[in-house]
């Protein structure tokens, strides 16, 4: 009997051991920590990102993975307490504040925005469209008709004390991209409206309200900031792609002060991990805050999902509810946060460069947590454009030098009377016609290029882009002019006979 029991016990232990080996573990073991750290470092190095900090929370606790520098010129190391601009992850804080005011009865998200901001009116299909037909919820869930592609370019870039109000007033009379409540299309201007609503209702600045009413009660005020000066020297400096590498940039004050609600809240890895743990349910504050979290994570399913996700109060939620997520991107910074509610897992990635694609890094960390082998993250669109335009600038510069030489040579021949002016041949007219079309296209394309991203040439667009981008288009325009001049000169000058 004892022999049988021992045999059964041995079999049981063996099965348990085998099961443990075959079941992917979400605990960040020592080896797992090392792997995530290496992956994070390799991702930063490959994209020329100066500094990166990630957090991973599983059932066994929270781990942090940091690499690089807050400012590559000063070589100050990034750590879990380094502050980064969150980009659009900031919207989760703004959306939560709106739900907070709604819960307290100070606003009703189903009421029209004009109840609180009477002068905010729009246009639709060129016709006047009253703001009384647009609810607070429309702005909260990006169903108002304000979109990045059409309205982000209206942002005011000259700083002032009332910069937030100016950004909202810039939207007055704007033509909506679609009828409110008919669809969901992401647009940061929606959250500028919400921030101004908060200021109007509470009588406090957005930054003060968020600090006093949201961050302090949640115990986040020391590692999540609305005031840049409180970063106490531990603020990461933003970097952007520049000629096959990266360079630091100075953030325009108007952008920071006028768009805190949409992209310029500061947090460290420590701070964002605490924020995520509140929303994952791992951290309990009180019944009031738990109920508020539930409301904030309830998506608007009255419109179709976009890219497999609905929008909630500052969060994107997959159609099956298995993932809560948001990306963030402002000049010089990139971020991604993920909550896997069924697994009790949260992941954050903060980087001080727009050359890296943080969503890919977060995805790779998630793959590692589940025992897989991630691929290296791809470059951001800004890094890709830097590579293309940096190479193009070199080629175009050579082309300009060659065309300039050819034009000077042709002019010198005319001056020396070895060539003279005359009417173009039929072939010459065709060459001039084709050249004029090609050159005009190149110049027009250079002028309108930012519109493909919903911008125009200016501080906001150039804040994201490498200097190689405008340089390449300047060189392209110069090349187009010289190309036209050269071919026209060839067509109207002929070798002197005899």
Protein backbone atom coordinates (compact mmCIF):
# COMPACT_ATOMS: atom_id res chain seq x y z
CA UNK A 1 0.00 0.00 0.00
CA UNK A 2 2.80 2.40 0.97
CA UNK A 3 4.57 1.50 -2.26
CA UNK A 4 1.46 2.37 -4.28
CA UNK A 5 1.07 5.70 -2.41
CA UNK A 6 4.70 6.54 -3.01
CA UNK A 7 4.32 5.62 -6.67
CA UNK A 8 1.18 7.79 -7.02
CA UNK A 9 2.89 10.68 -5.21
CA UNK A 10 5.87 10.42 -7.55
CA UNK A 11 3.58 10.40 -10.58
CA UNK A 12 1.68 13.44 -9.24
CA UNK A 13 4.86 15.42 -8.59
CA UNK A 14 6.16 14.53 -12.03
CA UNK A 15 2.94 15.71 -13.69
CA UNK A 16 3.02 18.96 -11.71
CA UNK A 17 6.62 19.55 -12.74
CA UNK A 18 5.84 18.86 -16.40
CA UNK A 19 2.80 21.15 -16.26
CA UNK A 20 4.87 23.90 -14.71
CA UNK A 21 7.40 23.61 -17.51
CA UNK A 22 4.77 23.62 -20.25
CA UNK A 23 2.62 26.46 -18.86
CA UNK A 24 3.84 29.96 -19.77
CA UNK A 25 4.54 31.94 -16.63
CA UNK A 26 3.62 35.61 -16.29
CA UNK A 27 5.91 36.01 -13.33
CA UNK A 28 8.94 38.12 -14.16
CA UNK A 29 11.59 35.62 -13.12
CA UNK A 30 15.23 36.63 -12.86
CA UNK A 31 15.85 35.26 -16.34
CA UNK A 32 12.69 36.95 -17.61
CA UNK A 33 13.79 40.25 -16.13
CA UNK A 34 17.13 39.93 -17.86
CA UNK A 35 15.43 39.14 -21.17
CA UNK A 36 13.05 42.11 -20.94
CA UNK A 37 15.91 44.39 -19.95
CA UNK A 38 17.98 43.23 -22.92
CA UNK A 39 15.05 43.59 -25.30
CA UNK A 40 14.32 47.10 -24.03
CA UNK A 41 17.97 48.12 -24.40
CA UNK A 42 18.30 46.60 -27.88
CA UNK A 43 15.12 48.37 -29.00
CA UNK A 44 16.48 51.72 -27.86
CA UNK A 45 19.89 51.18 -29.45
CA UNK A 46 18.43 50.10 -32.79
CA UNK A 47 16.30 53.25 -33.03
CA UNK A 48 18.95 55.67 -31.70
CA UNK A 49 16.68 56.41 -28.73
CA UNK A 50 18.69 58.09 -25.93
CA UNK A 51 16.52 56.89 -23.03
CA UNK A 52 13.73 54.43 -22.32
CA UNK A 53 11.93 53.21 -19.21
CA UNK A 54 9.42 50.38 -19.00
CA UNK A 55 7.27 48.92 -16.24
CA UNK A 56 5.71 45.47 -16.05
CA UNK A 57 3.18 44.42 -13.43
CA UNK A 58 2.16 40.79 -13.05
CA UNK A 59 0.56 38.92 -10.18
CA UNK A 60 3.98 38.67 -8.56
CA UNK A 61 4.59 42.44 -8.50
CA UNK A 62 6.00 45.33 -10.51
CA UNK A 63 9.41 45.44 -12.18
CA UNK A 64 11.11 48.36 -13.92
CA UNK A 65 13.49 48.31 -16.87
CA UNK A 66 15.41 51.48 -17.70
CA UNK A 67 18.20 52.24 -20.13
CA UNK A 68 20.08 55.22 -21.49
CA UNK A 69 20.09 58.91 -20.73
CA UNK A 70 17.61 61.67 -19.97
CA UNK A 71 19.71 63.88 -22.23
CA UNK A 72 22.39 62.23 -24.35
CA UNK A 73 24.55 65.37 -24.21
CA UNK A 74 24.66 65.34 -20.39
CA UNK A 75 24.72 61.55 -19.90
CA UNK A 76 22.29 61.61 -16.95
CA UNK A 77 20.91 58.08 -16.56
CA UNK A 78 17.23 57.25 -16.94
CA UNK A 79 15.63 55.50 -13.96
CA UNK A 80 12.05 54.61 -12.88
CA UNK A 81 11.69 58.12 -11.42
CA UNK A 82 12.60 59.97 -14.61
CA UNK A 83 9.71 62.07 -15.93
CA UNK A 84 8.57 61.76 -19.55
CA UNK A 85 5.83 63.58 -21.44
CA UNK A 86 3.11 60.95 -21.89
CA UNK A 87 1.74 62.10 -25.22
CA UNK A 88 -1.86 61.03 -25.76
CA UNK A 89 -1.72 58.67 -22.77
CA UNK A 90 -2.49 61.98 -20.99
CA UNK A 91 -6.05 61.64 -22.27
CA UNK A 92 -6.73 58.85 -19.78
CA UNK A 93 -6.22 61.39 -16.97
CA UNK A 94 -8.39 64.03 -18.66
CA UNK A 95 -11.16 61.54 -19.40
CA UNK A 96 -11.06 60.36 -15.79
CA UNK A 97 -11.43 63.97 -14.60
CA UNK A 98 -14.51 64.44 -16.78
CA UNK A 99 -16.07 61.30 -15.32
CA UNK A 100 -15.16 62.60 -11.84
CA UNK A 101 -17.07 65.85 -12.44
CA UNK A 102 -20.00 63.94 -13.93
CA UNK A 103 -20.11 61.61 -10.93
CA UNK A 104 -20.17 64.61 -8.57
CA UNK A 105 -23.01 66.19 -10.53
CA UNK A 106 -21.03 69.23 -11.66
CA UNK A 107 -21.57 68.33 -15.32
CA UNK A 108 -23.64 65.86 -17.30
CA UNK A 109 -21.74 64.30 -20.18
CA UNK A 110 -24.99 63.81 -22.11
CA UNK A 111 -25.73 67.54 -22.14
CA UNK A 112 -24.68 69.86 -24.98
CA UNK A 113 -21.31 71.55 -24.67
CA UNK A 114 -22.96 74.96 -25.15
CA UNK A 115 -24.57 74.68 -21.71
CA UNK A 116 -21.09 75.30 -20.32
CA UNK A 117 -19.32 76.99 -23.26
CA UNK A 118 -22.12 78.96 -25.01
CA UNK A 119 -19.94 80.43 -27.77
CA UNK A 120 -18.61 77.11 -29.09
CA UNK A 121 -20.32 76.57 -32.45
CA UNK A 122 -19.24 74.78 -35.61
CA UNK A 123 -20.10 74.21 -39.24
CA UNK A 124 -21.06 71.01 -41.03
CA UNK A 125 -20.79 70.65 -44.80
CA UNK A 126 -20.30 74.41 -44.99
CA UNK A 127 -23.50 75.19 -43.07
CA UNK A 128 -23.81 76.59 -39.54
CA UNK A 129 -24.04 73.82 -36.95
CA UNK A 130 -24.92 74.73 -33.39
CA UNK A 131 -22.77 73.44 -30.57
CA UNK A 132 -26.03 72.62 -28.80
CA UNK A 133 -26.13 69.54 -31.02
CA UNK A 134 -22.77 68.31 -29.74
CA UNK A 135 -22.61 66.71 -26.29
CA UNK A 136 -19.73 66.46 -23.84
CA UNK A 137 -19.76 62.71 -24.52
CA UNK A 138 -19.08 63.40 -28.20
CA UNK A 139 -15.81 65.08 -27.27
CA UNK A 140 -14.98 62.41 -24.70
CA UNK A 141 -15.43 59.54 -27.17
CA UNK A 142 -14.07 61.32 -30.29
CA UNK A 143 -17.46 61.33 -32.02
CA UNK A 144 -17.80 65.12 -32.28
CA UNK A 145 -16.44 65.54 -35.80
CA UNK A 146 -13.22 67.19 -34.61
CA UNK A 147 -10.32 65.14 -35.99
CA UNK A 148 -6.55 65.32 -36.05
CA UNK A 149 -6.38 65.39 -39.82
CA UNK A 150 -8.72 68.33 -40.18
CA UNK A 151 -8.42 70.34 -36.97
CA UNK A 152 -5.08 69.75 -35.21
CA UNK A 153 -3.46 72.28 -37.53
CA UNK A 154 -5.64 74.98 -35.92
CA UNK A 155 -3.60 74.77 -32.70
CA UNK A 156 -2.23 78.14 -31.58
CA UNK A 157 1.58 78.16 -31.40
CA UNK A 158 2.16 81.54 -29.73
CA UNK A 159 2.15 81.13 -25.95
CA UNK A 160 -0.01 83.22 -23.60
CA UNK A 161 -1.75 82.90 -20.23
CA UNK A 162 -5.02 81.92 -21.93
CA UNK A 163 -3.46 79.58 -24.49
CA UNK A 164 -5.95 76.78 -23.73
CA UNK A 165 -8.92 79.08 -24.32
CA UNK A 166 -7.31 80.32 -27.53
CA UNK A 167 -6.97 76.74 -28.76
CA UNK A 168 -10.68 76.17 -28.14
CA UNK A 169 -11.70 79.50 -29.68
CA UNK A 170 -9.68 78.55 -32.76
CA UNK A 171 -12.24 75.77 -33.28
CA UNK A 172 -15.22 78.17 -33.45
CA UNK A 173 -16.73 77.95 -36.92
CA UNK A 174 -14.58 74.96 -37.84
CA UNK A 175 -16.18 72.61 -40.36
CA UNK A 176 -16.77 69.24 -38.68
CA UNK A 177 -15.44 66.18 -40.49
CA UNK A 178 -18.70 64.28 -39.96
CA UNK A 179 -22.03 64.58 -38.18
CA UNK A 180 -21.61 64.16 -34.40
CA UNK A 181 -22.46 60.69 -33.02
CA UNK A 182 -22.28 59.11 -36.48
CA UNK A 183 -18.77 57.67 -36.17
CA UNK A 184 -15.57 57.60 -34.13
CA UNK A 185 -12.44 59.30 -35.44
CA UNK A 186 -9.63 60.22 -33.10
CA UNK A 187 -8.93 63.92 -32.62
CA UNK A 188 -6.81 65.57 -29.92
CA UNK A 189 -8.70 68.92 -30.15
CA UNK A 190 -11.63 67.14 -28.44
CA UNK A 191 -9.61 66.91 -25.25
CA UNK A 192 -8.59 70.57 -25.36
CA UNK A 193 -12.31 71.33 -25.29
CA UNK A 194 -12.71 69.01 -22.28
CA UNK A 195 -9.83 70.68 -20.44
CA UNK A 196 -11.36 74.11 -21.02
CA UNK A 197 -14.69 72.73 -19.82
CA UNK A 198 -12.99 71.62 -16.59
CA UNK A 199 -11.55 75.11 -16.10
CA UNK A 200 -14.91 76.76 -16.82
CA UNK A 201 -16.86 74.57 -14.41
CA UNK A 202 -14.36 74.44 -11.53
CA UNK A 203 -12.82 77.91 -11.75
CA UNK A 204 -9.37 76.32 -11.47
CA UNK A 205 -6.68 75.85 -14.06
CA UNK A 206 -6.63 72.39 -15.60
CA UNK A 207 -3.24 71.69 -14.01
CA UNK A 208 -4.35 72.80 -10.54
CA UNK A 209 -7.61 70.85 -10.70
CA UNK A 210 -5.90 67.67 -11.84
CA UNK A 211 -3.27 67.93 -9.12
CA UNK A 212 -5.64 68.73 -6.24
CA UNK A 213 -8.70 66.67 -7.17
CA UNK A 214 -7.28 63.63 -8.96
CA UNK A 215 -3.57 63.06 -8.40
CA UNK A 216 -3.30 63.95 -4.70
CA UNK A 217 -6.30 61.83 -3.58
CA UNK A 218 -4.89 58.90 -5.57
CA UNK A 219 -1.40 59.36 -4.12
CA UNK A 220 0.11 60.09 -7.53
CA UNK A 221 1.09 63.74 -7.13
CA UNK A 222 4.80 63.00 -6.58
CA UNK A 223 5.32 60.89 -9.70
CA UNK A 224 2.75 62.41 -12.07
CA UNK A 225 3.05 66.13 -12.76
CA UNK A 226 1.18 68.94 -14.47
CA UNK A 227 3.82 71.55 -13.69
CA UNK A 228 7.10 71.02 -15.55
CA UNK A 229 9.13 72.98 -12.99
CA UNK A 230 8.33 70.33 -10.35
CA UNK A 231 10.30 67.67 -12.21
CA UNK A 232 13.30 68.69 -10.05
CA UNK A 233 15.98 68.12 -12.65
CA UNK A 234 14.81 64.59 -13.46
CA UNK A 235 12.95 65.45 -16.66
CA UNK A 236 13.87 63.58 -19.82
CA UNK A 237 14.80 65.79 -22.76
CA UNK A 238 12.95 65.03 -25.96
CA UNK A 239 14.82 63.93 -29.07
CA UNK A 240 13.81 63.51 -32.69
CA UNK A 241 15.34 61.87 -35.76
CA UNK A 242 18.07 63.90 -37.44
CA UNK A 243 20.24 62.79 -40.37
CA UNK A 244 20.41 59.05 -39.58
CA UNK A 245 20.53 59.70 -35.80
CA UNK A 246 18.74 61.81 -33.20
CA UNK A 247 19.11 65.31 -31.77
CA UNK A 248 17.60 67.00 -28.73
CA UNK A 249 14.83 69.53 -29.15
CA UNK A 250 13.32 72.39 -27.18
CA UNK A 251 9.59 71.89 -26.66
CA UNK A 252 7.54 74.97 -27.68
CA UNK A 253 5.96 76.45 -24.52
CA UNK A 254 2.66 77.04 -26.33
CA UNK A 255 2.45 73.36 -27.15
CA UNK A 256 3.08 72.27 -23.55
CA UNK A 257 0.85 74.85 -21.85
CA UNK A 258 -1.93 74.72 -24.42
CA UNK A 259 -2.26 70.95 -24.70
CA UNK A 260 -1.57 69.42 -21.27
CA UNK A 261 -4.88 67.57 -21.45
CA UNK A 262 -4.11 66.00 -24.81
CA UNK A 263 -0.44 65.11 -24.55
CA UNK A 264 1.69 66.95 -22.02
CA UNK A 265 1.11 65.40 -18.62
CA UNK A 266 4.40 64.21 -17.11
CA UNK A 267 4.87 60.86 -15.42
CA UNK A 268 7.65 58.51 -14.46
CA UNK A 269 7.55 54.74 -14.92
CA UNK A 270 6.80 54.55 -11.22
CA UNK A 271 3.88 56.94 -11.65
CA UNK A 272 2.37 55.42 -14.78
CA UNK A 273 2.61 51.90 -13.33
CA UNK A 274 0.62 53.05 -10.28
CA UNK A 275 -1.94 54.65 -12.56
CA UNK A 276 -2.28 51.43 -14.57
CA UNK A 277 -2.57 49.34 -11.41
CA UNK A 278 -5.52 51.46 -10.29
CA UNK A 279 -7.28 50.77 -13.58
CA UNK A 280 -6.38 47.07 -13.62
CA UNK A 281 -7.93 46.66 -10.17
CA UNK A 282 -4.64 45.67 -8.56
CA UNK A 283 -4.67 48.81 -6.40
CA UNK A 284 -7.78 49.63 -4.37
CA UNK A 285 -8.36 53.19 -3.16
CA UNK A 286 -12.05 53.31 -2.24
CA UNK A 287 -15.44 52.24 -3.56
CA UNK A 288 -15.94 55.70 -5.10
CA UNK A 289 -12.75 55.50 -7.16
CA UNK A 290 -13.41 51.87 -8.13
CA UNK A 291 -16.84 52.81 -9.48
CA UNK A 292 -15.30 55.74 -11.34
CA UNK A 293 -12.68 53.49 -12.93
CA UNK A 294 -15.43 51.17 -14.14
CA UNK A 295 -17.25 54.09 -15.79
CA UNK A 296 -14.05 55.40 -17.36
CA UNK A 297 -13.36 51.98 -18.88
CA UNK A 298 -16.84 51.60 -20.36
CA UNK A 299 -16.43 52.13 -24.12
CA UNK A 300 -18.82 53.87 -26.47
CA UNK A 301 -20.18 51.01 -28.55
CA UNK A 302 -22.87 53.11 -30.24
CA UNK A 303 -20.47 53.63 -33.16
CA UNK A 304 -18.29 51.18 -35.05
CA UNK A 305 -14.92 50.23 -33.62
CA UNK A 306 -11.79 51.52 -35.38
CA UNK A 307 -8.83 49.18 -35.89
CA UNK A 308 -10.49 46.64 -33.61
CA UNK A 309 -10.99 48.99 -30.66
CA UNK A 310 -13.73 51.18 -29.19
CA UNK A 311 -12.97 54.38 -27.29
CA UNK A 312 -13.73 54.92 -23.62
CA UNK A 313 -12.85 57.93 -21.42
CA UNK A 314 -9.27 58.33 -22.62
CA UNK A 315 -8.71 54.62 -23.28
CA UNK A 316 -8.92 52.31 -26.28
CA UNK A 317 -10.51 48.94 -25.58
CA UNK A 318 -10.47 45.98 -27.94
CA UNK A 319 -13.81 44.69 -29.14
CA UNK A 320 -13.49 41.54 -27.02
CA UNK A 321 -12.39 43.55 -23.98
CA UNK A 322 -9.15 41.57 -23.61
CA UNK A 323 -6.89 44.62 -23.86
CA UNK A 324 -7.07 48.21 -22.66
CA UNK A 325 -4.45 50.38 -24.30
CA UNK A 326 -3.33 53.77 -25.55
CA UNK A 327 -0.37 55.20 -27.45
CA UNK A 328 1.24 58.56 -26.92
CA UNK A 329 3.31 60.67 -29.26
CA UNK A 330 4.38 64.30 -29.00
CA UNK A 331 7.53 65.93 -30.40
CA UNK A 332 10.49 64.12 -28.88
CA UNK A 333 8.55 61.52 -26.88
CA UNK A 334 6.79 58.20 -27.51
CA UNK A 335 4.78 55.98 -25.18
CA UNK A 336 2.50 52.97 -24.94
CA UNK A 337 0.44 51.55 -22.08
CA UNK A 338 -1.33 48.18 -21.97
CA UNK A 339 -3.68 46.57 -19.45
CA UNK A 340 -4.61 42.90 -19.81
CA UNK A 341 -7.51 42.73 -17.34
CA UNK A 342 -8.03 38.96 -17.50
CA UNK A 343 -4.38 38.30 -16.65
CA UNK A 344 -3.73 41.09 -14.15
CA UNK A 345 -0.90 42.39 -16.33
CA UNK A 346 0.04 45.99 -17.09
CA UNK A 347 2.86 47.23 -19.31
CA UNK A 348 4.17 50.73 -19.94
CA UNK A 349 6.91 51.99 -22.22
CA UNK A 350 8.16 55.60 -22.07
CA UNK A 351 10.87 56.91 -24.42
CA UNK A 352 12.44 60.32 -24.97
CA UNK A 353 12.61 60.10 -28.74
CA UNK A 354 10.12 60.06 -31.60
CA UNK A 355 12.46 57.74 -33.51
CA UNK A 356 11.24 54.65 -31.64
CA UNK A 357 7.83 53.00 -32.05
CA UNK A 358 6.84 52.33 -28.43
CA UNK A 359 3.77 50.18 -29.30
CA UNK A 360 6.09 47.61 -30.87
CA UNK A 361 8.31 47.57 -27.78
CA UNK A 362 5.31 47.03 -25.49
CA UNK A 363 4.06 44.28 -27.79
CA UNK A 364 7.46 42.61 -27.65
CA UNK A 365 7.50 42.73 -23.84
CA UNK A 366 4.06 41.12 -23.80
CA UNK A 367 5.32 38.36 -26.09
CA UNK A 368 8.25 37.75 -23.73
CA UNK A 369 5.92 37.56 -20.74
CA UNK A 370 4.03 34.79 -22.50
CA UNK A 371 7.16 32.82 -23.34
CA UNK A 372 7.46 33.87 -26.98
CA UNK A 373 10.22 35.38 -29.06
CA UNK A 374 9.47 38.97 -30.10
CA UNK A 375 10.67 40.65 -33.24
CA UNK A 376 12.65 43.86 -32.94
CA UNK A 377 10.40 46.92 -33.09
CA UNK A 378 10.12 48.82 -36.33
CA UNK A 379 11.14 52.44 -36.78
CA UNK A 380 8.58 55.17 -36.27
CA UNK A 381 7.27 56.97 -39.35
CA UNK A 382 9.46 59.93 -38.33
CA UNK A 383 12.59 57.78 -38.32
CA UNK A 384 11.66 56.29 -41.70
CA UNK A 385 11.14 59.76 -43.15
CA UNK A 386 14.49 60.86 -41.71
CA UNK A 387 16.28 57.97 -43.42
CA UNK A 388 14.56 58.61 -46.75
CA UNK A 389 14.97 62.39 -46.75
CA UNK A 390 18.54 62.30 -45.44
CA UNK A 391 19.53 60.03 -48.33
CA UNK A 392 17.44 62.10 -50.75
CA UNK A 393 19.13 65.31 -49.57
CA UNK A 394 22.54 63.90 -50.51
CA UNK A 395 21.32 62.81 -53.95
CA UNK A 396 19.51 66.11 -54.58
CA UNK A 397 22.54 68.15 -53.52
CA UNK A 398 24.65 66.26 -56.06
CA UNK A 399 21.93 66.83 -58.69
CA UNK A 400 21.91 70.57 -57.92
CA UNK A 401 25.67 70.75 -58.31
CA UNK A 402 25.52 68.86 -61.62
CA UNK A 403 22.64 70.97 -63.02
CA UNK A 404 24.35 74.18 -61.93
CA UNK A 405 27.52 73.10 -63.73
CA UNK A 406 25.57 72.22 -66.90
CA UNK A 407 23.69 75.53 -66.86
CA UNK A 408 26.90 77.54 -66.39
CA UNK A 409 28.54 75.59 -69.20
CA UNK A 410 25.63 76.24 -71.57
CA UNK A 411 25.51 79.96 -70.68
CA UNK A 412 29.28 80.27 -71.22
CA UNK A 413 28.89 78.73 -74.68
CA UNK A 414 26.17 81.24 -75.53
CA UNK A 415 28.34 84.10 -74.30
CA UNK A 416 31.27 82.82 -76.38
CA UNK A 417 28.97 82.65 -79.43
CA UNK A 418 29.52 78.92 -79.93
CA UNK A 419 25.77 78.64 -79.30
CA UNK A 420 22.93 81.06 -79.99
CA UNK A 421 19.30 81.46 -79.05
CA UNK A 422 16.59 80.25 -81.39
CA UNK A 423 13.09 78.83 -81.57
CA UNK A 424 12.74 75.34 -80.06
CA UNK A 425 12.16 72.40 -82.35
CA UNK A 426 9.07 70.24 -81.94
CA UNK A 427 11.17 67.96 -79.76
CA UNK A 428 12.28 71.02 -77.80
CA UNK A 429 8.69 72.10 -77.15
CA UNK A 430 7.86 68.60 -75.91
CA UNK A 431 10.88 68.61 -73.59
CA UNK A 432 9.89 72.03 -72.19
CA UNK A 433 6.31 70.85 -71.67
CA UNK A 434 7.23 67.64 -69.89
CA UNK A 435 9.88 69.40 -67.82
CA UNK A 436 7.45 72.11 -66.71
CA UNK A 437 4.91 69.50 -65.61
CA UNK A 438 7.48 67.46 -63.67
CA UNK A 439 9.01 70.56 -62.05
CA UNK A 440 5.63 72.01 -61.10
CA UNK A 441 4.57 68.71 -59.57
CA UNK A 442 7.77 68.55 -57.49
CA UNK A 443 7.31 72.10 -56.19
CA UNK A 444 3.61 71.66 -55.40
CA UNK A 445 4.26 68.31 -53.72
CA UNK A 446 6.94 69.95 -51.57
CA UNK A 447 4.51 72.68 -50.53
CA UNK A 448 1.61 70.39 -49.61
CA UNK A 449 3.55 67.45 -48.14
CA UNK A 450 2.57 68.18 -44.48
CA UNK A 451 -1.11 68.06 -45.46
CA UNK A 452 -0.83 64.29 -45.86
CA UNK A 453 -0.36 64.23 -42.07
CA UNK A 454 -3.06 66.83 -41.40
CA UNK A 455 -0.57 69.69 -40.87
CA UNK A 456 1.11 72.52 -42.73
CA UNK A 457 4.72 73.70 -42.69
CA UNK A 458 5.17 75.25 -39.25
CA UNK A 459 6.42 74.78 -35.69
CA UNK A 460 4.03 71.95 -34.85
CA UNK A 461 4.87 69.80 -37.86
CA UNK A 462 8.58 70.53 -37.66
CA UNK A 463 8.54 69.63 -33.98
CA UNK A 464 8.03 65.99 -34.99
CA UNK A 465 10.11 65.93 -38.15
CA UNK A 466 13.82 65.61 -38.73
CA UNK A 467 15.49 68.69 -40.18
CA UNK A 468 16.28 66.44 -43.13
CA UNK A 469 12.60 66.57 -44.13
CA UNK A 470 12.30 70.32 -44.86
CA UNK A 471 15.85 70.33 -46.24
CA UNK A 472 15.02 67.57 -48.71
CA UNK A 473 11.93 69.40 -49.97
CA UNK A 474 13.82 72.68 -50.29
CA UNK A 475 16.47 70.87 -52.30
CA UNK A 476 13.77 69.13 -54.35
CA UNK A 477 12.21 72.49 -55.24
CA UNK A 478 15.60 73.98 -56.15
CA UNK A 479 16.38 70.90 -58.24
CA UNK A 480 13.02 71.24 -60.01
CA UNK A 481 13.72 74.89 -60.88
CA UNK A 482 17.23 74.12 -62.13
CA UNK A 483 15.95 71.10 -64.08
CA UNK A 484 13.40 73.30 -65.84
CA UNK A 485 15.97 76.05 -66.46
CA UNK A 486 18.52 73.59 -67.86
CA UNK A 487 16.12 71.80 -70.20
CA UNK A 488 14.59 75.06 -71.38
CA UNK A 489 18.05 76.45 -72.06
CA UNK A 490 18.89 73.34 -74.07
CA UNK A 491 15.70 73.68 -76.10
CA UNK A 492 16.14 77.35 -77.01
CA UNK A 493 19.89 77.41 -77.69
CA UNK A 494 21.57 75.79 -80.65
CA UNK A 495 25.13 75.29 -81.83
CA UNK A 496 26.25 78.02 -84.21
CA UNK A 497 26.64 76.76 -87.76
CA UNK A 498 29.93 77.22 -89.57
